[in-house]
């Protein structure tokens, strides 16, 4: 009876699958944060240019 229990525990891969999904989710999060940070910097640059042009036009 104990041998079957040990064998079943060794064959169970559900924990490994959960870890794999966790690693994938972590990687996707890092990529998303990196992409959004780059987009945010680009938007700041664009708005600063627009603001400068509007200030020139107002004078």
PDB file of N, CA and C in Angstrom:
ATOM      1  N   UNK A   1       0.821  -1.191   0.000  1.00  0.00           N
ATOM      2  CA  UNK A   1       0.000   0.000   0.000  1.00  0.00           C
ATOM      3  C   UNK A   1       0.867   1.257   0.000  1.00  0.00           C
ATOM      4  N   UNK A   2       1.933   1.281   0.784  1.00  0.00           N
ATOM      5  CA  UNK A   2       2.801   2.451   0.841  1.00  0.00           C
ATOM      6  C   UNK A   2       3.561   2.632  -0.455  1.00  0.00           C
ATOM      7  N   UNK A   3       3.927   1.553  -1.112  1.00  0.00           N
ATOM      8  CA  UNK A   3       4.661   1.649  -2.370  1.00  0.00           C
ATOM      9  C   UNK A   3       3.812   2.333  -3.423  1.00  0.00           C
ATOM     10  N   UNK A   4       2.515   2.039  -3.453  1.00  0.00           N
ATOM     11  CA  UNK A   4       1.618   2.695  -4.410  1.00  0.00           C
ATOM     12  C   UNK A   4       1.519   4.191  -4.123  1.00  0.00           C
ATOM     13  N   UNK A   5       1.481   4.569  -2.866  1.00  0.00           N
ATOM     14  CA  UNK A   5       1.394   5.982  -2.506  1.00  0.00           C
ATOM     15  C   UNK A   5       2.641   6.741  -2.947  1.00  0.00           C
ATOM     16  N   UNK A   6       3.804   6.154  -2.707  1.00  0.00           N
ATOM     17  CA  UNK A   6       5.054   6.791  -3.102  1.00  0.00           C
ATOM     18  C   UNK A   6       5.129   6.889  -4.621  1.00  0.00           C
ATOM     19  N   UNK A   7       4.737   5.847  -5.308  1.00  0.00           N
ATOM     20  CA  UNK A   7       4.756   5.844  -6.771  1.00  0.00           C
ATOM     21  C   UNK A   7       3.819   6.907  -7.319  1.00  0.00           C
ATOM     22  N   UNK A   8       2.638   7.049  -6.744  1.00  0.00           N
ATOM     23  CA  UNK A   8       1.684   8.061  -7.196  1.00  0.00           C
ATOM     24  C   UNK A   8       2.222   9.470  -6.974  1.00  0.00           C
ATOM     25  N   UNK A   9       2.887   9.682  -5.856  1.00  0.00           N
ATOM     26  CA  UNK A   9       3.456  11.008  -5.576  1.00  0.00           C
ATOM     27  C   UNK A   9       4.556  11.329  -6.584  1.00  0.00           C
ATOM     28  N   UNK A  10       5.390  10.368  -6.909  1.00  0.00           N
ATOM     29  CA  UNK A  10       6.483  10.598  -7.860  1.00  0.00           C
ATOM     30  C   UNK A  10       5.976  10.829  -9.280  1.00  0.00           C
ATOM     31  N   UNK A  11       4.848  10.248  -9.617  1.00  0.00           N
ATOM     32  CA  UNK A  11       4.289  10.397 -10.965  1.00  0.00           C
ATOM     33  C   UNK A  11       3.428  11.649 -11.113  1.00  0.00           C
ATOM     34  N   UNK A  12       3.020  12.246 -10.018  1.00  0.00           N
ATOM     35  CA  UNK A  12       2.151  13.422 -10.059  1.00  0.00           C
ATOM     36  C   UNK A  12       2.926  14.621 -10.601  1.00  0.00           C
ATOM     37  N   UNK A  13       2.452  15.191 -11.701  1.00  0.00           N
ATOM     38  CA  UNK A  13       3.124  16.324 -12.337  1.00  0.00           C
ATOM     39  C   UNK A  13       2.331  17.615 -12.225  1.00  0.00           C
ATOM     40  N   UNK A  14       1.289  17.644 -11.434  1.00  0.00           N
ATOM     41  CA  UNK A  14       0.458  18.847 -11.351  1.00  0.00           C
ATOM     42  C   UNK A  14       1.223  20.011 -10.720  1.00  0.00           C
ATOM     43  N   UNK A  15       2.096  19.737  -9.780  1.00  0.00           N
ATOM     44  CA  UNK A  15       2.893  20.800  -9.175  1.00  0.00           C
ATOM     45  C   UNK A  15       3.867  21.405 -10.173  1.00  0.00           C
ATOM     46  N   UNK A  16       4.470  20.555 -10.990  1.00  0.00           N
ATOM     47  CA  UNK A  16       5.410  21.046 -12.003  1.00  0.00           C
ATOM     48  C   UNK A  16       4.684  21.916 -13.026  1.00  0.00           C
ATOM     49  N   UNK A  17       3.472  21.526 -13.380  1.00  0.00           N
ATOM     50  CA  UNK A  17       2.692  22.312 -14.331  1.00  0.00           C
ATOM     51  C   UNK A  17       2.352  23.677 -13.746  1.00  0.00           C
ATOM     52  N   UNK A  18       1.992  23.715 -12.484  1.00  0.00           N
ATOM     53  CA  UNK A  18       1.666  24.988 -11.841  1.00  0.00           C
ATOM     54  C   UNK A  18       2.889  25.898 -11.796  1.00  0.00           C
ATOM     55  N   UNK A  19       4.038  25.333 -11.530  1.00  0.00           N
ATOM     56  CA  UNK A  19       5.276  26.122 -11.503  1.00  0.00           C
ATOM     57  C   UNK A  19       5.578  26.668 -12.896  1.00  0.00           C
ATOM     58  N   UNK A  20       5.389  25.856 -13.921  1.00  0.00           N
ATOM     59  CA  UNK A  20       5.625  26.317 -15.287  1.00  0.00           C
ATOM     60  C   UNK A  20       4.710  27.483 -15.636  1.00  0.00           C
ATOM     61  N   UNK A  21       3.429  27.366 -15.283  1.00  0.00           N
ATOM     62  CA  UNK A  21       2.494  28.464 -15.549  1.00  0.00           C
ATOM     63  C   UNK A  21       2.884  29.714 -14.774  1.00  0.00           C
ATOM     64  N   UNK A  22       3.365  29.557 -13.568  1.00  0.00           N
ATOM     65  CA  UNK A  22       3.820  30.695 -12.779  1.00  0.00           C
ATOM     66  C   UNK A  22       5.011  31.378 -13.412  1.00  0.00           C
ATOM     67  N   UNK A  23       5.954  30.598 -13.916  1.00  0.00           N
ATOM     68  CA  UNK A  23       7.123  31.171 -14.592  1.00  0.00           C
ATOM     69  C   UNK A  23       6.729  31.901 -15.872  1.00  0.00           C
ATOM     70  N   UNK A  24       5.806  31.330 -16.620  1.00  0.00           N
ATOM     71  CA  UNK A  24       5.332  31.985 -17.841  1.00  0.00           C
ATOM     72  C   UNK A  24       4.641  33.297 -17.507  1.00  0.00           C
ATOM     73  N   UNK A  25       3.790  33.296 -16.483  1.00  0.00           N
ATOM     74  CA  UNK A  25       3.094  34.519 -16.072  1.00  0.00           C
ATOM     75  C   UNK A  25       4.090  35.585 -15.629  1.00  0.00           C
ATOM     76  N   UNK A  26       5.119  35.181 -14.913  1.00  0.00           N
ATOM     77  CA  UNK A  26       6.151  36.123 -14.481  1.00  0.00           C
ATOM     78  C   UNK A  26       6.890  36.725 -15.660  1.00  0.00           C
ATOM     79  N   UNK A  27       7.230  35.911 -16.633  1.00  0.00           N
ATOM     80  CA  UNK A  27       7.934  36.393 -17.822  1.00  0.00           C
ATOM     81  C   UNK A  27       7.062  37.358 -18.617  1.00  0.00           C
ATOM     82  N   UNK A  28       5.806  37.030 -18.786  1.00  0.00           N
ATOM     83  CA  UNK A  28       4.875  37.918 -19.503  1.00  0.00           C
ATOM     84  C   UNK A  28       4.754  39.245 -18.769  1.00  0.00           C
ATOM     85  N   UNK A  29       4.714  39.211 -17.448  1.00  0.00           N
ATOM     86  CA  UNK A  29       4.623  40.445 -16.665  1.00  0.00           C
ATOM     87  C   UNK A  29       5.852  41.321 -16.863  1.00  0.00           C
ATOM     88  N   UNK A  30       7.024  40.722 -16.848  1.00  0.00           N
ATOM     89  CA  UNK A  30       8.262  41.495 -17.039  1.00  0.00           C
ATOM     90  C   UNK A  30       8.283  42.134 -18.422  1.00  0.00           C
ATOM     91  N   UNK A  31       7.884  41.390 -19.443  1.00  0.00           N
ATOM     92  CA  UNK A  31       7.857  41.925 -20.808  1.00  0.00           C
ATOM     93  C   UNK A  31       6.843  43.061 -20.911  1.00  0.00           C
ATOM     94  N   UNK A  32       5.665  42.889 -20.303  1.00  0.00           N
ATOM     95  CA  UNK A  32       4.633  43.929 -20.360  1.00  0.00           C
ATOM     96  C   UNK A  32       5.098  45.201 -19.649  1.00  0.00           C
ATOM     97  N   UNK A  33       5.716  45.061 -18.500  1.00  0.00           N
ATOM     98  CA  UNK A  33       6.191  46.229 -17.753  1.00  0.00           C
ATOM     99  C   UNK A  33       7.263  46.964 -18.556  1.00  0.00           C
ATOM    100  N   UNK A  34       8.169  46.216 -19.169  1.00  0.00           N
ATOM    101  CA  UNK A  34       9.222  46.822 -19.980  1.00  0.00           C
ATOM    102  C   UNK A  34       8.630  47.576 -21.170  1.00  0.00           C
ATOM    103  N   UNK A  35       7.679  46.960 -21.849  1.00  0.00           N
ATOM    104  CA  UNK A  35       7.066  47.598 -23.017  1.00  0.00           C
ATOM    105  C   UNK A  35       6.291  48.850 -22.611  1.00  0.00           C
ATOM    106  N   UNK A  36       5.557  48.775 -21.522  1.00  0.00           N
ATOM    107  CA  UNK A  36       4.778  49.934 -21.079  1.00  0.00           C
ATOM    108  C   UNK A  36       5.676  51.067 -20.600  1.00  0.00           C
ATOM    109  N   UNK A  37       6.787  50.742 -19.998  1.00  0.00           N
ATOM    110  CA  UNK A  37       7.732  51.778 -19.572  1.00  0.00           C
ATOM    111  C   UNK A  37       8.301  52.515 -20.783  1.00  0.00           C
ATOM    112  N   UNK A  38       8.665  51.774 -21.808  1.00  0.00           N
ATOM    113  CA  UNK A  38       9.195  52.392 -23.024  1.00  0.00           C
ATOM    114  C   UNK A  38       8.131  53.258 -23.691  1.00  0.00           C
ATOM    115  N   UNK A  39       6.908  52.790 -23.709  1.00  0.00           N
ATOM    116  CA  UNK A  39       5.813  53.558 -24.293  1.00  0.00           C
ATOM    117  C   UNK A  39       5.569  54.827 -23.493  1.00  0.00           C
ATOM    118  N   UNK A  40       5.629  54.733 -22.177  1.00  0.00           N
ATOM    119  CA  UNK A  40       5.427  55.900 -21.326  1.00  0.00           C
ATOM    120  C   UNK A  40       6.481  56.959 -21.570  1.00  0.00           C
ATOM    121  N   UNK A  41       7.745  56.557 -21.695  1.00  0.00           N
ATOM    122  CA  UNK A  41       8.823  57.508 -21.982  1.00  0.00           C
ATOM    123  C   UNK A  41       8.603  58.194 -23.329  1.00  0.00           C
ATOM    124  N   UNK A  42       8.153  57.421 -24.303  1.00  0.00           N
ATOM    125  CA  UNK A  42       7.894  57.976 -25.630  1.00  0.00           C
ATOM    126  C   UNK A  42       6.749  58.984 -25.576  1.00  0.00           C
ATOM    127  N   UNK A  43       5.705  58.672 -24.834  1.00  0.00           N
ATOM    128  CA  UNK A  43       4.571  59.595 -24.711  1.00  0.00           C
ATOM    129  C   UNK A  43       4.977  60.883 -24.005  1.00  0.00           C
ATOM    130  N   UNK A  44       5.807  60.777 -22.998  1.00  0.00           N
ATOM    131  CA  UNK A  44       6.278  61.983 -22.300  1.00  0.00           C
ATOM    132  C   UNK A  44       7.021  62.886 -23.277  1.00  0.00           C
ATOM    133  N   UNK A  45       7.866  62.300 -24.099  1.00  0.00           N
ATOM    134  CA  UNK A  45       8.616  63.070 -25.087  1.00  0.00           C
ATOM    135  C   UNK A  45       7.680  63.759 -26.074  1.00  0.00           C
ATOM    136  N   UNK A  46       6.686  63.054 -26.541  1.00  0.00           N
ATOM    137  CA  UNK A  46       5.726  63.635 -27.494  1.00  0.00           C
ATOM    138  C   UNK A  46       4.971  64.790 -26.865  1.00  0.00           C
ATOM    139  N   UNK A  47       4.477  64.620 -25.643  1.00  0.00           N
ATOM    140  CA  UNK A  47       3.716  65.680 -24.989  1.00  0.00           C
ATOM    141  C   UNK A  47       4.596  66.896 -24.684  1.00  0.00           C
ATOM    142  N   UNK A  48       5.859  66.681 -24.387  1.00  0.00           N
ATOM    143  CA  UNK A  48       6.762  67.812 -24.154  1.00  0.00           C
ATOM    144  C   UNK A  48       6.970  68.611 -25.443  1.00  0.00           C
ATOM    145  N   UNK A  49       7.089  67.916 -26.574  1.00  0.00           N
ATOM    146  CA  UNK A  49       7.224  68.606 -27.857  1.00  0.00           C
ATOM    147  C   UNK A  49       5.969  69.415 -28.178  1.00  0.00           C
ATOM    148  N   UNK A  50       4.810  68.805 -27.975  1.00  0.00           N
ATOM    149  CA  UNK A  50       3.547  69.501 -28.229  1.00  0.00           C
ATOM    150  C   UNK A  50       3.415  70.707 -27.326  1.00  0.00           C
ATOM    151  N   UNK A  51       3.758  70.540 -26.067  1.00  0.00           N
ATOM    152  CA  UNK A  51       3.673  71.643 -25.114  1.00  0.00           C
ATOM    153  C   UNK A  51       4.591  72.794 -25.528  1.00  0.00           C
ATOM    154  N   UNK A  52       5.783  72.465 -25.980  1.00  0.00           N
ATOM    155  CA  UNK A  52       6.716  73.495 -26.439  1.00  0.00           C
ATOM    156  C   UNK A  52       6.191  74.235 -27.661  1.00  0.00           C
ATOM    157  N   UNK A  53       5.630  73.514 -28.607  1.00  0.00           N
ATOM    158  CA  UNK A  53       5.085  74.141 -29.813  1.00  0.00           C
ATOM    159  C   UNK A  53       3.888  75.045 -29.455  1.00  0.00           C
ATOM    160  N   UNK A  54       3.051  74.596 -28.526  1.00  0.00           N
ATOM    161  CA  UNK A  54       1.912  75.416 -28.105  1.00  0.00           C
ATOM    162  C   UNK A  54       2.380  76.685 -27.396  1.00  0.00           C
ATOM    163  N   UNK A  55       3.418  76.569 -26.600  1.00  0.00           N
ATOM    164  CA  UNK A  55       3.955  77.736 -25.899  1.00  0.00           C
ATOM    165  C   UNK A  55       4.528  78.740 -26.908  1.00  0.00           C
ATOM    166  N   UNK A  56       5.213  78.232 -27.954  1.00  0.00           N
ATOM    167  CA  UNK A  56       5.741  79.108 -29.008  1.00  0.00           C
ATOM    168  C   UNK A  56       4.616  79.795 -29.759  1.00  0.00           C
ATOM    169  N   UNK A  57       3.559  79.048 -30.052  1.00  0.00           N
ATOM    170  CA  UNK A  57       2.437  79.599 -30.800  1.00  0.00           C
ATOM    171  C   UNK A  57       1.679  80.644 -29.984  1.00  0.00           C
ATOM    172  N   UNK A  58       1.649  80.483 -28.670  1.00  0.00           N
ATOM    173  CA  UNK A  58       0.928  81.430 -27.801  1.00  0.00           C
ATOM    174  C   UNK A  58       1.660  82.757 -27.696  1.00  0.00           C
ATOM    175  N   UNK A  59       2.954  82.756 -27.941  1.00  0.00           N
ATOM    176  CA  UNK A  59       3.716  84.003 -27.837  1.00  0.00           C
ATOM    177  C   UNK A  59       3.578  84.729 -29.089  1.00  0.00           C
TER     178      UNK A  59
END
